[in-house]
mmCIF file of all heavy atoms, coordinates in Angstrom:
data_MODEL
# 
_entry.id   MODEL 
# 
loop_
_atom_site.group_PDB 
_atom_site.id 
_atom_site.type_symbol 
_atom_site.label_atom_id 
_atom_site.label_alt_id 
_atom_site.label_comp_id 
_atom_site.label_asym_id 
_atom_site.label_entity_id 
_atom_site.label_seq_id 
_atom_site.pdbx_PDB_ins_code 
_atom_site.Cartn_x 
_atom_site.Cartn_y 
_atom_site.Cartn_z 
_atom_site.occupancy 
_atom_site.B_iso_or_equiv 
_atom_site.pdbx_formal_charge 
_atom_site.auth_seq_id 
_atom_site.auth_comp_id 
_atom_site.auth_asym_id 
_atom_site.auth_atom_id 
_atom_site.pdbx_PDB_model_num 
ATOM 1   N N   . ALA A 1 1  ? -111.383 -10.016 86.052 1.00 0.00 ? 1  ALA A N   1 
ATOM 2   C CA  . ALA A 1 1  ? -110.851 -10.282 84.703 1.00 0.00 ? 1  ALA A CA  1 
ATOM 3   C C   . ALA A 1 1  ? -111.887 -10.935 83.805 1.00 0.00 ? 1  ALA A C   1 
ATOM 4   O O   . ALA A 1 1  ? -112.022 -10.572 82.621 1.00 0.00 ? 1  ALA A O   1 
ATOM 5   C CB  . ALA A 1 1  ? -109.599 -11.144 84.794 1.00 0.00 ? 1  ALA A CB  1 
ATOM 6   N N   . LEU A 1 2  ? -112.631 -11.890 84.322 1.00 0.00 ? 2  LEU A N   1 
ATOM 7   C CA  . LEU A 1 2  ? -113.592 -12.626 83.475 1.00 0.00 ? 2  LEU A CA  1 
ATOM 8   C C   . LEU A 1 2  ? -114.706 -11.723 82.931 1.00 0.00 ? 2  LEU A C   1 
ATOM 9   O O   . LEU A 1 2  ? -114.987 -11.754 81.723 1.00 0.00 ? 2  LEU A O   1 
ATOM 10  C CB  . LEU A 1 2  ? -114.163 -13.824 84.250 1.00 0.00 ? 2  LEU A CB  1 
ATOM 11  C CG  . LEU A 1 2  ? -113.169 -14.991 84.439 1.00 0.00 ? 2  LEU A CG  1 
ATOM 12  C CD1 . LEU A 1 2  ? -113.694 -15.988 85.461 1.00 0.00 ? 2  LEU A CD1 1 
ATOM 13  C CD2 . LEU A 1 2  ? -112.872 -15.689 83.112 1.00 0.00 ? 2  LEU A CD2 1 
ATOM 14  N N   . PRO A 1 3  ? -115.356 -10.882 83.759 1.00 0.00 ? 3  PRO A N   1 
ATOM 15  C CA  . PRO A 1 3  ? -116.382 -9.980  83.197 1.00 0.00 ? 3  PRO A CA  1 
ATOM 16  C C   . PRO A 1 3  ? -115.814 -8.995  82.175 1.00 0.00 ? 3  PRO A C   1 
ATOM 17  O O   . PRO A 1 3  ? -116.465 -8.697  81.168 1.00 0.00 ? 3  PRO A O   1 
ATOM 18  C CB  . PRO A 1 3  ? -116.928 -9.241  84.427 1.00 0.00 ? 3  PRO A CB  1 
ATOM 19  C CG  . PRO A 1 3  ? -116.606 -10.105 85.582 1.00 0.00 ? 3  PRO A CG  1 
ATOM 20  C CD  . PRO A 1 3  ? -115.320 -10.790 85.232 1.00 0.00 ? 3  PRO A CD  1 
ATOM 21  N N   . ILE A 1 4  ? -114.601 -8.497  82.428 1.00 0.00 ? 4  ILE A N   1 
ATOM 22  C CA  . ILE A 1 4  ? -113.989 -7.552  81.485 1.00 0.00 ? 4  ILE A CA  1 
ATOM 23  C C   . ILE A 1 4  ? -113.710 -8.244  80.153 1.00 0.00 ? 4  ILE A C   1 
ATOM 24  O O   . ILE A 1 4  ? -114.013 -7.707  79.076 1.00 0.00 ? 4  ILE A O   1 
ATOM 25  C CB  . ILE A 1 4  ? -112.695 -6.949  82.079 1.00 0.00 ? 4  ILE A CB  1 
ATOM 26  C CG1 . ILE A 1 4  ? -113.040 -5.976  83.209 1.00 0.00 ? 4  ILE A CG1 1 
ATOM 27  C CG2 . ILE A 1 4  ? -111.868 -6.239  81.000 1.00 0.00 ? 4  ILE A CG2 1 
ATOM 28  C CD1 . ILE A 1 4  ? -111.838 -5.469  83.996 1.00 0.00 ? 4  ILE A CD1 1 
ATOM 29  N N   . LEU A 1 5  ? -113.145 -9.445  80.207 1.00 0.00 ? 5  LEU A N   1 
ATOM 30  C CA  . LEU A 1 5  ? -112.834 -10.173 78.973 1.00 0.00 ? 5  LEU A CA  1 
ATOM 31  C C   . LEU A 1 5  ? -114.103 -10.538 78.209 1.00 0.00 ? 5  LEU A C   1 
ATOM 32  O O   . LEU A 1 5  ? -114.135 -10.484 76.974 1.00 0.00 ? 5  LEU A O   1 
ATOM 33  C CB  . LEU A 1 5  ? -112.011 -11.428 79.292 1.00 0.00 ? 5  LEU A CB  1 
ATOM 34  C CG  . LEU A 1 5  ? -110.564 -11.156 79.730 1.00 0.00 ? 5  LEU A CG  1 
ATOM 35  C CD1 . LEU A 1 5  ? -109.907 -12.424 80.250 1.00 0.00 ? 5  LEU A CD1 1 
ATOM 36  C CD2 . LEU A 1 5  ? -109.753 -10.578 78.587 1.00 0.00 ? 5  LEU A CD2 1 
ATOM 37  N N   . GLN A 1 6  ? -115.156 -10.894 78.944 1.00 0.00 ? 6  GLN A N   1 
ATOM 38  C CA  . GLN A 1 6  ? -116.419 -11.214 78.267 1.00 0.00 ? 6  GLN A CA  1 
ATOM 39  C C   . GLN A 1 6  ? -116.984 -9.974  77.558 1.00 0.00 ? 6  GLN A C   1 
ATOM 40  O O   . GLN A 1 6  ? -117.433 -10.059 76.407 1.00 0.00 ? 6  GLN A O   1 
ATOM 41  C CB  . GLN A 1 6  ? -117.435 -11.751 79.278 1.00 0.00 ? 6  GLN A CB  1 
ATOM 42  C CG  . GLN A 1 6  ? -118.768 -12.124 78.646 1.00 0.00 ? 6  GLN A CG  1 
ATOM 43  C CD  . GLN A 1 6  ? -119.367 -13.385 79.255 1.00 0.00 ? 6  GLN A CD  1 
ATOM 44  O OE1 . GLN A 1 6  ? -118.667 -14.362 79.519 1.00 0.00 ? 6  GLN A OE1 1 
ATOM 45  N NE2 . GLN A 1 6  ? -120.661 -13.379 79.486 1.00 0.00 ? 6  GLN A NE2 1 
ATOM 46  N N   . ALA A 1 7  ? -116.918 -8.821  78.233 1.00 0.00 ? 7  ALA A N   1 
ATOM 47  C CA  . ALA A 1 7  ? -117.388 -7.573  77.610 1.00 0.00 ? 7  ALA A CA  1 
ATOM 48  C C   . ALA A 1 7  ? -116.527 -7.226  76.395 1.00 0.00 ? 7  ALA A C   1 
ATOM 49  O O   . ALA A 1 7  ? -117.022 -6.740  75.381 1.00 0.00 ? 7  ALA A O   1 
ATOM 50  C CB  . ALA A 1 7  ? -117.344 -6.436  78.631 1.00 0.00 ? 7  ALA A CB  1 
ATOM 51  N N   . LEU A 1 8  ? -115.221 -7.494  76.488 1.00 0.00 ? 8  LEU A N   1 
ATOM 52  C CA  . LEU A 1 8  ? -114.313 -7.222  75.377 1.00 0.00 ? 8  LEU A CA  1 
ATOM 53  C C   . LEU A 1 8  ? -114.637 -8.098  74.167 1.00 0.00 ? 8  LEU A C   1 
ATOM 54  O O   . LEU A 1 8  ? -114.691 -7.624  73.024 1.00 0.00 ? 8  LEU A O   1 
ATOM 55  C CB  . LEU A 1 8  ? -112.868 -7.463  75.830 1.00 0.00 ? 8  LEU A CB  1 
ATOM 56  C CG  . LEU A 1 8  ? -111.781 -7.332  74.758 1.00 0.00 ? 8  LEU A CG  1 
ATOM 57  C CD1 . LEU A 1 8  ? -111.742 -5.931  74.181 1.00 0.00 ? 8  LEU A CD1 1 
ATOM 58  C CD2 . LEU A 1 8  ? -110.417 -7.712  75.336 1.00 0.00 ? 8  LEU A CD2 1 
ATOM 59  N N   . ILE A 1 9  ? -114.890 -9.376  74.414 1.00 0.00 ? 9  ILE A N   1 
ATOM 60  C CA  . ILE A 1 9  ? -115.246 -10.309 73.324 1.00 0.00 ? 9  ILE A CA  1 
ATOM 61  C C   . ILE A 1 9  ? -116.522 -9.843  72.624 1.00 0.00 ? 9  ILE A C   1 
ATOM 62  O O   . ILE A 1 9  ? -116.603 -9.797  71.394 1.00 0.00 ? 9  ILE A O   1 
ATOM 63  C CB  . ILE A 1 9  ? -115.405 -11.745 73.876 1.00 0.00 ? 9  ILE A CB  1 
ATOM 64  C CG1 . ILE A 1 9  ? -114.045 -12.308 74.302 1.00 0.00 ? 9  ILE A CG1 1 
ATOM 65  C CG2 . ILE A 1 9  ? -116.050 -12.664 72.838 1.00 0.00 ? 9  ILE A CG2 1 
ATOM 66  C CD1 . ILE A 1 9  ? -114.131 -13.565 75.169 1.00 0.00 ? 9  ILE A CD1 1 
ATOM 67  N N   . GLN A 1 10 ? -117.522 -9.454  73.431 1.00 0.00 ? 10 GLN A N   1 
ATOM 68  C CA  . GLN A 1 10 ? -118.797 -9.004  72.849 1.00 0.00 ? 10 GLN A CA  1 
ATOM 69  C C   . GLN A 1 10 ? -118.628 -7.693  72.081 1.00 0.00 ? 10 GLN A C   1 
ATOM 70  O O   . GLN A 1 10 ? -119.167 -7.524  70.986 1.00 0.00 ? 10 GLN A O   1 
ATOM 71  C CB  . GLN A 1 10 ? -119.839 -8.847  73.960 1.00 0.00 ? 10 GLN A CB  1 
ATOM 72  C CG  . GLN A 1 10 ? -120.275 -10.186 74.545 1.00 0.00 ? 10 GLN A CG  1 
ATOM 73  C CD  . GLN A 1 10 ? -121.016 -10.042 75.875 1.00 0.00 ? 10 GLN A CD  1 
ATOM 74  O OE1 . GLN A 1 10 ? -121.103 -8.952  76.446 1.00 0.00 ? 10 GLN A OE1 1 
ATOM 75  N NE2 . GLN A 1 10 ? -121.551 -11.155 76.378 1.00 0.00 ? 10 GLN A NE2 1 
ATOM 76  N N   . ALA A 1 11 ? -117.832 -6.754  72.623 1.00 0.00 ? 11 ALA A N   1 
ATOM 77  C CA  . ALA A 1 11 ? -117.631 -5.466  71.957 1.00 0.00 ? 11 ALA A CA  1 
ATOM 78  C C   . ALA A 1 11 ? -116.814 -5.617  70.680 1.00 0.00 ? 11 ALA A C   1 
ATOM 79  O O   . ALA A 1 11 ? -117.041 -4.919  69.694 1.00 0.00 ? 11 ALA A O   1 
ATOM 80  C CB  . ALA A 1 11 ? -116.926 -4.495  72.910 1.00 0.00 ? 11 ALA A CB  1 
ATOM 81  N N   . SER A 1 12 ? -115.865 -6.562  70.677 1.00 0.00 ? 12 SER A N   1 
ATOM 82  C CA  . SER A 1 12 ? -114.981 -6.733  69.524 1.00 0.00 ? 12 SER A CA  1 
ATOM 83  C C   . SER A 1 12 ? -115.693 -7.327  68.318 1.00 0.00 ? 12 SER A C   1 
ATOM 84  O O   . SER A 1 12 ? -115.178 -7.288  67.207 1.00 0.00 ? 12 SER A O   1 
ATOM 85  C CB  . SER A 1 12 ? -113.784 -7.603  69.905 1.00 0.00 ? 12 SER A CB  1 
ATOM 86  O OG  . SER A 1 12 ? -113.001 -6.944  70.873 1.00 0.00 ? 12 SER A OG  1 
ATOM 87  N N   . GLU A 1 13 ? -116.872 -7.898  68.545 1.00 0.00 ? 13 GLU A N   1 
ATOM 88  C CA  . GLU A 1 13 ? -117.660 -8.407  67.405 1.00 0.00 ? 13 GLU A CA  1 
ATOM 89  C C   . GLU A 1 13 ? -118.153 -7.238  66.548 1.00 0.00 ? 13 GLU A C   1 
ATOM 90  O O   . GLU A 1 13 ? -118.419 -7.385  65.365 1.00 0.00 ? 13 GLU A O   1 
ATOM 91  C CB  . GLU A 1 13 ? -118.844 -9.230  67.917 1.00 0.00 ? 13 GLU A CB  1 
ATOM 92  C CG  . GLU A 1 13 ? -118.397 -10.567 68.525 1.00 0.00 ? 13 GLU A CG  1 
ATOM 93  C CD  . GLU A 1 13 ? -119.521 -11.261 69.289 1.00 0.00 ? 13 GLU A CD  1 
ATOM 94  O OE1 . GLU A 1 13 ? -120.646 -10.740 69.278 1.00 0.00 ? 13 GLU A OE1 1 
ATOM 95  O OE2 . GLU A 1 13 ? -119.257 -12.324 69.885 1.00 0.00 ? 13 GLU A OE2 1 
ATOM 96  N N   . LYS A 1 14 ? -118.244 -6.043  67.159 1.00 0.00 ? 14 LYS A N   1 
ATOM 97  C CA  . LYS A 1 14 ? -118.731 -4.859  66.425 1.00 0.00 ? 14 LYS A CA  1 
ATOM 98  C C   . LYS A 1 14 ? -117.580 -4.001  65.913 1.00 0.00 ? 14 LYS A C   1 
ATOM 99  O O   . LYS A 1 14 ? -117.643 -3.464  64.814 1.00 0.00 ? 14 LYS A O   1 
ATOM 100 C CB  . LYS A 1 14 ? -119.627 -4.016  67.338 1.00 0.00 ? 14 LYS A CB  1 
ATOM 101 C CG  . LYS A 1 14 ? -120.864 -4.767  67.819 1.00 0.00 ? 14 LYS A CG  1 
ATOM 102 C CD  . LYS A 1 14 ? -121.549 -4.002  68.941 1.00 0.00 ? 14 LYS A CD  1 
ATOM 103 C CE  . LYS A 1 14 ? -122.641 -4.863  69.578 1.00 0.00 ? 14 LYS A CE  1 
ATOM 104 N NZ  . LYS A 1 14 ? -123.182 -4.246  70.789 1.00 0.00 ? 14 LYS A NZ  1 
ATOM 105 N N   . SER A 1 15 ? -116.498 -3.858  66.708 1.00 0.00 ? 15 SER A N   1 
ATOM 106 C CA  . SER A 1 15 ? -115.376 -3.015  66.278 1.00 0.00 ? 15 SER A CA  1 
ATOM 107 C C   . SER A 1 15 ? -114.128 -3.366  67.078 1.00 0.00 ? 15 SER A C   1 
ATOM 108 O O   . SER A 1 15 ? -114.193 -4.061  68.093 1.00 0.00 ? 15 SER A O   1 
ATOM 109 C CB  . SER A 1 15 ? -115.717 -1.542  66.505 1.00 0.00 ? 15 SER A CB  1 
ATOM 110 O OG  . SER A 1 15 ? -115.944 -1.312  67.887 1.00 0.00 ? 15 SER A OG  1 
ATOM 111 N N   . VAL A 1 16 ? -112.972 -2.874  66.615 1.00 0.00 ? 16 VAL A N   1 
ATOM 112 C CA  . VAL A 1 16 ? -111.713 -3.107  67.326 1.00 0.00 ? 16 VAL A CA  1 
ATOM 113 C C   . VAL A 1 16 ? -111.749 -2.313  68.638 1.00 0.00 ? 16 VAL A C   1 
ATOM 114 O O   . VAL A 1 16 ? -112.159 -1.158  68.655 1.00 0.00 ? 16 VAL A O   1 
ATOM 115 C CB  . VAL A 1 16 ? -110.516 -2.657  66.461 1.00 0.00 ? 16 VAL A CB  1 
ATOM 116 C CG1 . VAL A 1 16 ? -109.212 -2.812  67.243 1.00 0.00 ? 16 VAL A CG1 1 
ATOM 117 C CG2 . VAL A 1 16 ? -110.473 -3.466  65.178 1.00 0.00 ? 16 VAL A CG2 1 
ATOM 118 N N   . GLN A 1 17 ? -111.310 -2.934  69.716 1.00 0.00 ? 17 GLN A N   1 
ATOM 119 C CA  . GLN A 1 17 ? -111.401 -2.298  71.034 1.00 0.00 ? 17 GLN A CA  1 
ATOM 120 C C   . GLN A 1 17 ? -110.018 -2.167  71.671 1.00 0.00 ? 17 GLN A C   1 
ATOM 121 O O   . GLN A 1 17 ? -109.605 -2.996  72.475 1.00 0.00 ? 17 GLN A O   1 
ATOM 122 C CB  . GLN A 1 17 ? -112.327 -3.124  71.944 1.00 0.00 ? 17 GLN A CB  1 
ATOM 123 C CG  . GLN A 1 17 ? -113.753 -3.222  71.466 1.00 0.00 ? 17 GLN A CG  1 
ATOM 124 C CD  . GLN A 1 17 ? -114.486 -1.896  71.534 1.00 0.00 ? 17 GLN A CD  1 
ATOM 125 O OE1 . GLN A 1 17 ? -114.220 -1.077  72.400 1.00 0.00 ? 17 GLN A OE1 1 
ATOM 126 N NE2 . GLN A 1 17 ? -115.427 -1.687  70.625 1.00 0.00 ? 17 GLN A NE2 1 
ATOM 127 N N   . ALA A 1 18 ? -109.280 -1.133  71.284 1.00 0.00 ? 18 ALA A N   1 
ATOM 128 C CA  . ALA A 1 18 ? -107.983 -0.861  71.922 1.00 0.00 ? 18 ALA A CA  1 
ATOM 129 C C   . ALA A 1 18 ? -108.218 -0.107  73.228 1.00 0.00 ? 18 ALA A C   1 
ATOM 130 O O   . ALA A 1 18 ? -109.200 0.618   73.362 1.00 0.00 ? 18 ALA A O   1 
ATOM 131 C CB  . ALA A 1 18 ? -107.096 -0.048  70.988 1.00 0.00 ? 18 ALA A CB  1 
ATOM 132 N N   . PHE A 1 19 ? -107.302 -0.285  74.179 1.00 0.00 ? 19 PHE A N   1 
ATOM 133 C CA  . PHE A 1 19 ? -107.363 0.400   75.480 1.00 0.00 ? 19 PHE A CA  1 
ATOM 134 C C   . PHE A 1 19 ? -108.762 0.270   76.093 1.00 0.00 ? 19 PHE A C   1 
ATOM 135 O O   . PHE A 1 19 ? -109.382 1.247   76.511 1.00 0.00 ? 19 PHE A O   1 
ATOM 136 C CB  . PHE A 1 19 ? -106.962 1.872   75.332 1.00 0.00 ? 19 PHE A CB  1 
ATOM 137 C CG  . PHE A 1 19 ? -105.624 2.041   74.658 1.00 0.00 ? 19 PHE A CG  1 
ATOM 138 C CD1 . PHE A 1 19 ? -105.510 2.732   73.463 1.00 0.00 ? 19 PHE A CD1 1 
ATOM 139 C CD2 . PHE A 1 19 ? -104.490 1.476   75.208 1.00 0.00 ? 19 PHE A CD2 1 
ATOM 140 C CE1 . PHE A 1 19 ? -104.285 2.882   72.830 1.00 0.00 ? 19 PHE A CE1 1 
ATOM 141 C CE2 . PHE A 1 19 ? -103.247 1.612   74.580 1.00 0.00 ? 19 PHE A CE2 1 
ATOM 142 C CZ  . PHE A 1 19 ? -103.148 2.319   73.386 1.00 0.00 ? 19 PHE A CZ  1 
ATOM 143 N N   . PHE A 1 20 ? -109.242 -0.951  76.147 1.00 0.00 ? 20 PHE A N   1 
ATOM 144 C CA  . PHE A 1 20 ? -110.597 -1.251  76.618 1.00 0.00 ? 20 PHE A CA  1 
ATOM 145 C C   . PHE A 1 20 ? -110.682 -1.173  78.145 1.00 0.00 ? 20 PHE A C   1 
ATOM 146 O O   . PHE A 1 20 ? -111.675 -0.714  78.701 1.00 0.00 ? 20 PHE A O   1 
ATOM 147 C CB  . PHE A 1 20 ? -110.987 -2.659  76.134 1.00 0.00 ? 20 PHE A CB  1 
ATOM 148 C CG  . PHE A 1 20 ? -112.410 -3.042  76.391 1.00 0.00 ? 20 PHE A CG  1 
ATOM 149 C CD1 . PHE A 1 20 ? -113.436 -2.562  75.577 1.00 0.00 ? 20 PHE A CD1 1 
ATOM 150 C CD2 . PHE A 1 20 ? -112.741 -3.910  77.424 1.00 0.00 ? 20 PHE A CD2 1 
ATOM 151 C CE1 . PHE A 1 20 ? -114.758 -2.936  75.800 1.00 0.00 ? 20 PHE A CE1 1 
ATOM 152 C CE2 . PHE A 1 20 ? -114.057 -4.285  77.647 1.00 0.00 ? 20 PHE A CE2 1 
ATOM 153 C CZ  . PHE A 1 20 ? -115.071 -3.799  76.833 1.00 0.00 ? 20 PHE A CZ  1 
ATOM 154 N N   . ALA A 1 21 ? -109.614 -1.642  78.815 1.00 0.00 ? 21 ALA A N   1 
ATOM 155 C CA  . ALA A 1 21 ? -109.628 -1.670  80.283 1.00 0.00 ? 21 ALA A CA  1 
ATOM 156 C C   . ALA A 1 21 ? -108.261 -1.291  80.825 1.00 0.00 ? 21 ALA A C   1 
ATOM 157 O O   . ALA A 1 21 ? -107.226 -1.562  80.202 1.00 0.00 ? 21 ALA A O   1 
ATOM 158 C CB  . ALA A 1 21 ? -110.012 -3.061  80.784 1.00 0.00 ? 21 ALA A CB  1 
ATOM 159 N N   . CYS A 1 22 ? -108.266 -0.659  81.995 1.00 0.00 ? 22 CYS A N   1 
ATOM 160 C CA  . CYS A 1 22 ? -107.028 -0.304  82.687 1.00 0.00 ? 22 CYS A CA  1 
ATOM 161 C C   . CYS A 1 22 ? -107.108 -0.845  84.114 1.00 0.00 ? 22 CYS A C   1 
ATOM 162 O O   . CYS A 1 22 ? -108.084 -0.588  84.826 1.00 0.00 ? 22 CYS A O   1 
ATOM 163 C CB  . CYS A 1 22 ? -106.835 1.206   82.704 1.00 0.00 ? 22 CYS A CB  1 
ATOM 164 S SG  . CYS A 1 22 ? -105.378 1.738   83.641 1.00 0.00 ? 22 CYS A SG  1 
ATOM 165 N N   . ILE A 1 23 ? -106.081 -1.604  84.493 1.00 0.00 ? 23 ILE A N   1 
ATOM 166 C CA  . ILE A 1 23 ? -106.022 -2.152  85.850 1.00 0.00 ? 23 ILE A CA  1 
ATOM 167 C C   . ILE A 1 23 ? -104.832 -1.529  86.556 1.00 0.00 ? 23 ILE A C   1 
ATOM 168 O O   . ILE A 1 23 ? -103.696 -1.587  86.059 1.00 0.00 ? 23 ILE A O   1 
ATOM 169 C CB  . ILE A 1 23 ? -105.894 -3.699  85.843 1.00 0.00 ? 23 ILE A CB  1 
ATOM 170 C CG1 . ILE A 1 23 ? -107.175 -4.336  85.294 1.00 0.00 ? 23 ILE A CG1 1 
ATOM 171 C CG2 . ILE A 1 23 ? -105.670 -4.231  87.257 1.00 0.00 ? 23 ILE A CG2 1 
ATOM 172 C CD1 . ILE A 1 23 ? -107.249 -4.464  83.824 1.00 0.00 ? 23 ILE A CD1 1 
ATOM 173 N N   . LEU A 1 24 ? -105.074 -0.921  87.706 1.00 0.00 ? 24 LEU A N   1 
ATOM 174 C CA  . LEU A 1 24 ? -104.005 -0.283  88.477 1.00 0.00 ? 24 LEU A CA  1 
ATOM 175 C C   . LEU A 1 24 ? -103.645 -1.135  89.691 1.00 0.00 ? 24 LEU A C   1 
ATOM 176 O O   . LEU A 1 24 ? -104.528 -1.679  90.371 1.00 0.00 ? 24 LEU A O   1 
ATOM 177 C CB  . LEU A 1 24 ? -104.440 1.108   88.949 1.00 0.00 ? 24 LEU A CB  1 
ATOM 178 C CG  . LEU A 1 24 ? -104.637 2.155   87.841 1.00 0.00 ? 24 LEU A CG  1 
ATOM 179 C CD1 . LEU A 1 24 ? -105.160 3.455   88.439 1.00 0.00 ? 24 LEU A CD1 1 
ATOM 180 C CD2 . LEU A 1 24 ? -103.344 2.399   87.085 1.00 0.00 ? 24 LEU A CD2 1 
ATOM 181 N N   . SER A 1 25 ? -102.345 -1.234  89.944 1.00 0.00 ? 25 SER A N   1 
ATOM 182 C CA  . SER A 1 25 ? -101.830 -2.036  91.053 1.00 0.00 ? 25 SER A CA  1 
ATOM 183 C C   . SER A 1 25 ? -100.797 -1.223  91.820 1.00 0.00 ? 25 SER A C   1 
ATOM 184 O O   . SER A 1 25 ? -100.102 -0.394  91.220 1.00 0.00 ? 25 SER A O   1 
ATOM 185 C CB  . SER A 1 25 ? -101.187 -3.307  90.482 1.00 0.00 ? 25 SER A CB  1 
ATOM 186 O OG  . SER A 1 25 ? -100.076 -3.701  91.245 1.00 0.00 ? 25 SER A OG  1 
# 
């Protein structure tokens, strides 16, 4: 979760990031 959220924060500085990650359980 932490690496994904960090990548999301960095990517969102450039553009909106919908459906960035999918976790299957």
